[in-house]
Protein backbone atom coordinates (compact mmCIF):
# COMPACT_ATOMS: atom_id res chain seq x y z
CA MET A 1 184.65 135.45 -168.90
CA ARG A 2 182.29 134.84 -165.90
CA ALA A 3 183.76 137.57 -164.10
CA ASP A 4 183.04 139.89 -167.23
CA GLN A 5 179.31 138.74 -167.69
CA THR A 6 178.69 139.07 -164.07
CA ILE A 7 179.86 142.07 -164.11
CA ALA A 8 177.95 143.15 -167.01
CA VAL A 9 174.43 141.79 -165.39
CA ARG A 10 175.27 143.84 -161.85
CA CYS A 11 175.49 147.04 -164.10
CA PHE A 12 172.23 146.11 -166.33
CA LEU A 13 170.21 145.76 -163.22
CA THR A 14 171.72 148.72 -161.62
CA SER A 15 170.58 150.94 -164.63
CA LEU A 16 167.35 149.38 -164.69
CA ILE A 17 166.72 150.16 -160.88
CA GLY A 18 167.74 153.27 -161.50
CA LEU A 19 165.38 153.83 -164.06
CA LEU A 20 162.26 152.37 -162.45
CA GLY A 21 163.33 154.67 -159.50
CA LEU A 22 163.53 157.74 -162.11
CA GLY A 23 159.89 156.53 -163.27
CA GLY A 24 158.46 156.48 -159.96
CA PHE A 25 159.48 159.39 -158.84
CA ASP A 26 158.06 161.18 -162.23
CA ALA A 27 154.81 159.46 -161.65
CA GLY A 28 154.72 160.99 -158.47
CA ALA A 29 155.53 164.38 -159.39
CA SER A 30 153.00 164.34 -161.91
CA ARG A 31 150.14 163.04 -159.56
CA ALA A 32 151.04 166.34 -157.30
CA ALA A 33 151.18 168.72 -160.36
CA ASP A 34 147.34 167.06 -161.18
CA GLU A 35 146.14 167.42 -157.78
CA LYS A 36 143.73 170.51 -157.76
CA PRO A 37 143.77 172.94 -154.70
CA PRO A 38 140.20 172.78 -152.63
CA VAL A 39 137.38 174.99 -154.07
CA ALA A 40 136.61 177.81 -151.29
CA VAL A 41 133.37 177.88 -150.21
CA GLN A 42 131.52 180.83 -148.27
CA PHE A 43 128.44 179.48 -146.42
CA SER A 44 126.28 181.49 -143.94
CA LEU A 45 124.04 180.24 -141.35
CA ASP A 46 121.02 182.21 -140.64
CA ARG A 47 121.82 182.52 -136.72
CA PRO A 48 124.45 181.30 -134.61
CA ILE A 49 125.31 177.69 -134.04
CA ASP A 50 123.21 175.37 -132.33
CA ALA A 51 122.12 171.78 -132.67
CA SER A 52 120.35 172.54 -135.84
CA ALA A 53 123.36 172.39 -137.46
CA ALA A 54 125.03 169.46 -136.78
CA PRO A 55 124.74 168.46 -140.17
CA PHE A 56 127.33 171.14 -141.45
CA VAL A 57 129.35 171.22 -138.44
CA LEU A 58 129.90 167.19 -138.83
CA ALA A 59 130.67 167.60 -142.54
CA ALA A 60 133.14 170.05 -141.65
CA ALA A 61 134.53 168.12 -138.26
CA LYS A 62 134.55 164.90 -140.33
CA GLY A 63 136.43 166.07 -143.33
CA LEU A 64 133.32 165.50 -145.47
CA PHE A 65 133.22 168.64 -147.33
CA GLY A 66 137.28 168.17 -147.81
CA SER A 67 137.08 164.85 -149.43
CA GLU A 68 134.60 166.58 -151.75
CA GLY A 69 137.39 168.77 -152.50
CA LEU A 70 135.95 171.79 -150.68
CA SER A 71 137.36 174.34 -148.16
CA VAL A 72 134.30 175.60 -146.54
CA ASN A 73 134.11 178.74 -144.52
CA THR A 74 131.18 179.21 -142.22
CA ASN A 75 130.05 182.81 -141.21
CA ILE A 76 126.99 183.89 -139.32
CA ALA A 77 124.05 185.95 -140.89
CA SER A 78 121.37 187.89 -138.94
CA GLY A 79 118.17 186.23 -140.20
CA SER A 80 117.44 184.33 -143.86
CA ALA A 81 116.64 187.93 -145.14
CA ASP A 82 120.41 188.62 -144.46
CA GLY A 83 121.57 185.01 -145.75
CA ILE A 84 119.65 185.56 -148.83
CA ALA A 85 121.51 189.17 -149.43
CA ARG A 86 124.86 187.80 -148.64
CA VAL A 87 124.21 185.17 -151.44
CA ALA A 88 122.81 187.70 -153.77
CA ALA A 89 125.70 189.72 -153.59
CA GLY A 90 128.07 187.06 -153.95
CA THR A 91 129.57 187.39 -150.83
CA SER A 92 128.41 183.89 -149.36
CA ASP A 93 128.06 180.78 -151.92
CA PHE A 94 125.53 179.09 -150.10
CA ALA A 95 123.40 179.98 -147.06
CA LEU A 96 120.69 177.93 -145.14
CA VAL A 97 117.91 179.99 -144.88
CA ASP A 98 113.99 179.85 -144.18
CA ILE A 99 112.57 178.71 -147.90
CA ASN A 100 109.40 180.37 -147.39
CA GLU A 101 111.74 183.82 -146.64
CA LEU A 102 113.24 183.13 -150.25
CA ILE A 103 109.87 182.68 -151.74
CA ARG A 104 108.84 186.30 -150.95
CA PHE A 105 112.44 187.66 -151.76
CA ARG A 106 111.88 186.33 -155.55
CA ASP A 107 108.70 188.06 -155.90
CA LYS A 108 110.31 191.25 -155.40
CA PRO A 109 110.83 192.97 -159.02
CA GLY A 110 114.49 192.24 -160.25
CA ALA A 111 115.43 189.99 -157.68
CA PRO A 112 118.33 187.74 -158.68
CA PRO A 113 117.42 184.26 -159.72
CA ILE A 114 118.48 182.48 -156.65
CA LYS A 115 117.45 179.42 -155.96
CA ALA A 116 117.20 176.73 -153.37
CA VAL A 117 119.21 173.46 -154.15
CA PHE A 118 118.58 171.01 -150.75
CA VAL A 119 115.64 171.02 -148.65
CA LEU A 120 116.68 170.30 -145.18
CA PHE A 121 113.67 170.80 -142.93
CA ASN A 122 110.94 168.74 -144.37
CA LYS A 123 108.25 170.41 -142.50
CA ALA A 124 108.89 174.10 -140.87
CA PRO A 125 109.44 174.56 -137.33
CA TYR A 126 107.02 177.13 -136.73
CA ALA A 127 104.87 176.76 -133.94
CA ILE A 128 102.67 178.28 -130.94
CA ILE A 129 104.26 177.71 -127.70
CA ALA A 130 101.89 178.29 -124.62
CA ARG A 131 101.42 177.15 -121.05
CA LYS A 132 98.63 174.95 -119.99
CA SER A 133 98.20 176.22 -116.95
CA ARG A 134 97.07 179.60 -118.86
CA GLY A 135 94.11 177.10 -120.46
CA ILE A 136 95.97 176.39 -123.79
CA HIS A 137 95.99 172.67 -124.79
CA ALA A 138 95.05 172.75 -128.35
CA LEU A 139 95.24 175.13 -130.84
CA SER A 140 91.29 175.74 -130.45
CA ASP A 141 92.12 177.02 -126.96
CA ILE A 142 94.09 180.26 -128.50
CA GLU A 143 90.99 182.19 -128.78
CA GLY A 144 90.75 185.21 -126.48
CA LYS A 145 94.50 184.98 -125.37
CA THR A 146 97.82 187.21 -125.52
CA LEU A 147 100.10 185.94 -128.23
CA GLY A 148 103.63 187.09 -127.80
CA VAL A 149 105.47 188.11 -131.37
CA ALA A 150 108.83 188.81 -131.58
CA GLN A 151 110.23 191.13 -134.20
CA GLY A 152 111.04 189.68 -137.18
CA ASP A 153 109.14 186.35 -136.15
CA LEU A 154 108.69 184.36 -139.25
CA SER A 155 105.58 181.78 -137.98
CA ILE A 156 103.27 184.43 -137.57
CA ARG A 157 103.33 184.92 -141.28
CA LEU A 158 101.53 181.73 -141.94
CA TRP A 159 99.59 182.48 -138.73
CA PRO A 160 96.19 183.73 -141.19
CA ALA A 161 96.30 180.39 -143.06
CA LEU A 162 96.99 178.43 -140.19
CA ALA A 163 93.83 180.03 -138.06
CA ARG A 164 91.37 179.63 -141.37
CA GLN A 165 92.22 176.43 -141.84
CA ASN A 166 91.41 175.79 -138.01
CA GLY A 167 88.46 177.91 -137.75
CA ILE A 168 89.85 180.28 -135.27
CA LYS A 169 89.00 184.08 -135.76
CA VAL A 170 92.25 186.02 -136.07
CA ALA A 171 91.29 188.88 -134.61
CA GLY A 172 90.04 187.10 -131.55
CA VAL A 173 93.95 186.89 -130.38
CA LYS A 174 95.74 189.69 -129.39
CA GLN A 175 99.13 190.17 -130.89
CA HIS A 176 101.61 191.52 -128.24
CA LYS A 177 104.92 192.63 -130.10
CA ILE A 178 107.63 191.85 -127.98
CA SER A 179 111.55 191.65 -128.79
CA ALA A 180 112.95 188.40 -129.39
CA ALA A 181 115.62 188.57 -126.36
CA VAL A 182 112.28 188.36 -123.69
CA ARG A 183 110.02 185.97 -125.75
CA GLU A 184 110.55 182.84 -123.64
CA PRO A 185 111.19 185.25 -120.10
CA MET A 186 107.42 186.89 -120.55
CA LEU A 187 105.81 183.42 -121.19
CA SER A 188 107.83 181.93 -118.28
CA ALA A 189 106.68 184.81 -115.97
CA GLY A 190 103.21 184.49 -117.42
CA GLN A 191 102.87 188.36 -118.93
CA VAL A 192 101.42 186.84 -122.39
CA ASP A 193 99.83 183.06 -122.82
CA ALA A 194 101.59 181.92 -125.49
CA VAL A 195 104.39 182.98 -128.15
CA THR A 196 105.13 182.24 -131.59
CA GLY A 197 108.36 180.60 -132.59
CA PHE A 198 110.13 177.69 -133.41
CA SER A 199 109.32 174.61 -131.89
CA TYR A 200 112.71 173.68 -131.38
CA LEU A 201 113.94 176.78 -129.93
CA SER A 202 111.21 178.33 -128.03
CA ALA A 203 109.98 174.85 -126.09
CA VAL A 204 113.46 173.64 -125.43
CA ASN A 205 114.78 176.83 -123.92
CA LEU A 206 111.56 177.46 -121.81
CA ARG A 207 112.22 174.04 -120.38
CA ASP A 208 115.52 174.99 -119.36
CA ARG A 209 114.32 177.99 -117.63
CA GLY A 210 112.25 175.66 -115.28
CA VAL A 211 109.02 175.86 -116.94
CA PRO A 212 107.66 172.20 -116.54
CA ALA A 213 107.51 170.11 -119.56
CA ASP A 214 104.14 169.10 -118.61
CA ASP A 215 102.77 172.69 -118.70
CA LEU A 216 104.21 173.48 -122.49
CA ALA A 217 101.97 172.83 -125.03
CA VAL A 218 103.71 172.77 -128.45
CA LEU A 219 101.29 173.41 -131.18
CA ARG A 220 103.43 173.06 -134.24
CA PHE A 221 101.88 174.55 -137.48
CA ALA A 222 102.52 171.28 -139.29
CA ASP A 223 100.52 169.22 -137.22
CA TYR A 224 97.45 171.54 -138.12
CA GLY A 225 97.85 172.12 -141.50
CA CYS A 226 100.77 173.93 -142.53
CA GLU A 227 102.03 172.79 -145.83
CA ALA A 228 105.34 174.83 -145.70
CA TYR A 229 108.84 173.43 -145.99
CA GLY A 230 111.66 174.88 -143.77
CA PHE A 231 115.26 175.23 -143.97
CA ALA A 232 116.70 175.03 -147.02
CA LEU A 233 120.29 175.43 -148.85
CA ILE A 234 120.48 178.26 -151.15
CA VAL A 235 123.28 178.97 -153.74
CA ASN A 236 124.49 182.06 -155.40
CA PRO A 237 123.38 181.71 -159.39
CA ALA A 238 127.41 182.59 -160.69
CA PHE A 239 128.98 180.13 -158.46
CA ALA A 240 126.20 177.12 -159.47
CA ALA A 241 127.14 177.79 -163.10
CA SER A 242 130.90 177.92 -162.80
CA LYS A 243 131.26 175.32 -160.20
CA PRO A 244 128.21 172.66 -160.54
CA GLU A 245 130.60 169.71 -159.23
CA ALA A 246 131.34 171.96 -156.13
CA VAL A 247 127.66 172.38 -155.65
CA LYS A 248 126.86 168.92 -155.97
CA GLY A 249 129.73 167.91 -153.69
CA PHE A 250 128.51 170.10 -150.86
CA LEU A 251 125.25 168.57 -151.05
CA ARG A 252 126.84 164.96 -150.78
CA ALA A 253 128.55 166.06 -147.88
CA ALA A 254 125.37 167.75 -146.19
CA ILE A 255 123.72 164.32 -146.43
CA ALA A 256 126.26 162.32 -145.00
CA GLY A 257 126.61 164.97 -142.11
CA THR A 258 122.88 164.57 -141.62
CA HIS A 259 123.25 160.87 -141.40
CA LEU A 260 126.29 161.03 -138.87
CA ALA A 261 123.76 163.34 -137.01
CA ILE A 262 121.01 160.83 -136.94
CA LYS A 263 123.18 158.04 -136.06
CA GLU A 264 125.34 159.61 -133.18
CA PRO A 265 123.15 162.38 -132.15
CA GLY A 266 125.56 162.70 -129.01
CA HIS A 267 128.86 162.60 -130.50
CA ALA A 268 127.02 165.57 -132.87
CA VAL A 269 126.05 167.51 -130.33
CA ASP A 270 129.82 167.43 -128.81
CA GLU A 271 130.94 168.91 -131.91
CA VAL A 272 128.13 171.21 -131.85
CA VAL A 273 129.10 172.38 -128.23
CA SER A 274 132.71 172.79 -128.96
CA ARG A 275 131.71 175.55 -131.25
CA MET A 276 129.03 177.23 -128.80
CA ASP A 277 129.78 179.78 -126.27
CA GLY A 278 128.65 178.10 -123.13
CA GLY A 279 126.39 175.84 -124.61
CA SER A 280 124.91 172.82 -122.71
CA HIS A 281 125.28 169.49 -123.90
CA ASP A 282 122.04 168.20 -122.55
CA LEU A 283 119.89 171.00 -123.97
CA GLU A 284 121.33 170.73 -127.24
CA LEU A 285 120.68 166.91 -127.40
CA GLU A 286 117.27 167.49 -126.86
CA ARG A 287 117.07 170.01 -129.23
CA LEU A 288 118.75 167.77 -132.16
CA ARG A 289 116.41 164.98 -131.19
CA ALA A 290 113.49 167.41 -131.69
CA VAL A 291 114.73 168.84 -134.86
CA ILE A 292 115.33 165.10 -136.55
CA ARG A 293 111.99 164.05 -135.35
CA ASP A 294 109.71 167.20 -136.02
CA ASN A 295 111.44 168.35 -139.15
CA ILE A 296 114.01 166.65 -140.83
CA LEU A 297 112.94 162.58 -140.57
CA THR A 298 109.32 163.02 -141.43
CA GLY A 299 107.46 160.25 -143.71
CA GLU A 300 107.87 162.09 -146.75
CA VAL A 301 111.52 162.20 -146.53
CA LYS A 302 111.41 158.30 -145.36
CA ARG A 303 109.51 157.49 -148.56
CA ASN A 304 111.24 160.05 -150.95
CA GLY A 305 114.52 161.02 -149.81
CA ILE A 306 115.94 163.92 -148.16
CA GLY A 307 116.23 167.22 -150.15
CA SER A 308 113.23 167.26 -152.75
CA ILE A 309 110.44 169.01 -152.83
CA ASP A 310 107.04 167.63 -153.88
CA PRO A 311 105.26 170.13 -156.24
CA ALA A 312 102.00 169.81 -155.25
CA ARG A 313 102.48 170.32 -151.62
CA PHE A 314 104.94 173.27 -152.67
CA ASP A 315 101.94 174.92 -154.58
CA ARG A 316 99.81 174.64 -151.85
CA SER A 317 102.14 175.92 -149.35
CA VAL A 318 102.67 179.33 -151.50
CA GLY A 319 98.91 179.21 -151.57
CA GLN A 320 99.26 179.76 -147.56
CA ILE A 321 101.99 182.09 -147.75
CA ALA A 322 99.61 184.32 -150.07
CA GLU A 323 97.11 184.77 -147.23
CA ASP A 324 99.24 186.97 -145.37
CA PHE A 325 101.51 188.03 -148.50
CA LYS A 326 100.58 189.78 -151.86
CA PHE A 327 102.15 188.23 -154.69
CA GLN A 328 103.38 190.02 -157.61
CA LYS A 329 103.43 186.89 -159.44
CA ARG A 330 102.59 183.59 -157.81
CA SER A 331 105.78 181.23 -157.69
CA ALA A 332 105.96 177.72 -159.39
CA VAL A 333 108.30 175.31 -157.98
CA SER A 334 110.67 175.79 -160.81
CA ASP A 335 110.99 179.32 -159.73
CA ILE A 336 112.43 178.94 -156.48
CA PHE A 337 113.70 175.03 -156.36
CA ASP A 338 116.75 173.43 -158.78
CA ASP A 339 116.95 169.89 -158.23
CA SER A 340 119.77 169.23 -160.66
CA PHE A 341 122.51 169.05 -157.87
CA LEU A 342 120.85 166.43 -155.85
CA PRO A 343 122.10 162.88 -155.93
CA PRO A 344 119.61 160.34 -157.28
CA ILE A 345 117.54 158.73 -154.61
CA GLY A 346 119.50 156.11 -153.47
CA GLY A 347 122.04 158.48 -152.01
CA ARG A 348 119.46 160.60 -150.57
CA LEU A 349 117.53 157.59 -148.65
CA ILE A 350 117.62 158.24 -144.97
CA ASN A 351 116.40 156.58 -141.73
């Protein structure tokens, strides 16, 4: 009788273990079935990768996009206008573009309602880069000089407002139209006295060309009263409407990538250079530090968090754009920027 009881207990335990095992298999299969494939995202940078793209490079390299359920493919546009056009056409879901170019685009009749959802550069990188040896130490020294302006340069669009604010006669500065390819070589050779461009590009490139740092005057527009914001993420309206959580996830990954770039700039540059053709670690590290210091980690960002826009400042910036651009209808901040996808301020504080 005792042997029969023992056999019965063993049979019961065997059956119980089998049932538990089957239950565990079913739960695993159910979890696998519930897992959604990542959302495919097309993302455009408006220029070839350099250190300024470090937040997005790190978001990809460190799996930050993946952890948000996104599979991001990055492509390169030929400038902000092209990046905006790709988002408008739906061939890109996101693009990093100059927000001031977006403001001008949205003023065109019938322009699709594309909006920025995140501002990476709290201050535009517009600058005049000059040689001190040519007699230029401050913005007031620019009168009577020759300014090289590259085709498609965005900085020159804010020059009339900047000149007026600082009491400079626009007619007193000769503009010499040049191609972007010869901008730094011509200044290096002394063929022009100064050039317009982005502070983190031209100034760093000139030092790489052997121009002594103490001979360069980097006259950042933001230091002379320019209110413009800089690079911002824009999103295709249909994508945003159908996949709002994907938009929020993309922004969280971008913010996390920015944190990492600020915390470990050397490592960030390693990742960037590995994706460049012949990139220099030292050059890109200098570039990244300039971008963080001058364009991303501003006093406004330290107070209010990254990514947002101050409506009063935005309105002033549109007024400055209007000195070189005739608006059909002057943009309000709600026409250009949608903050509904941003995380709460606690998720945007960055130091």
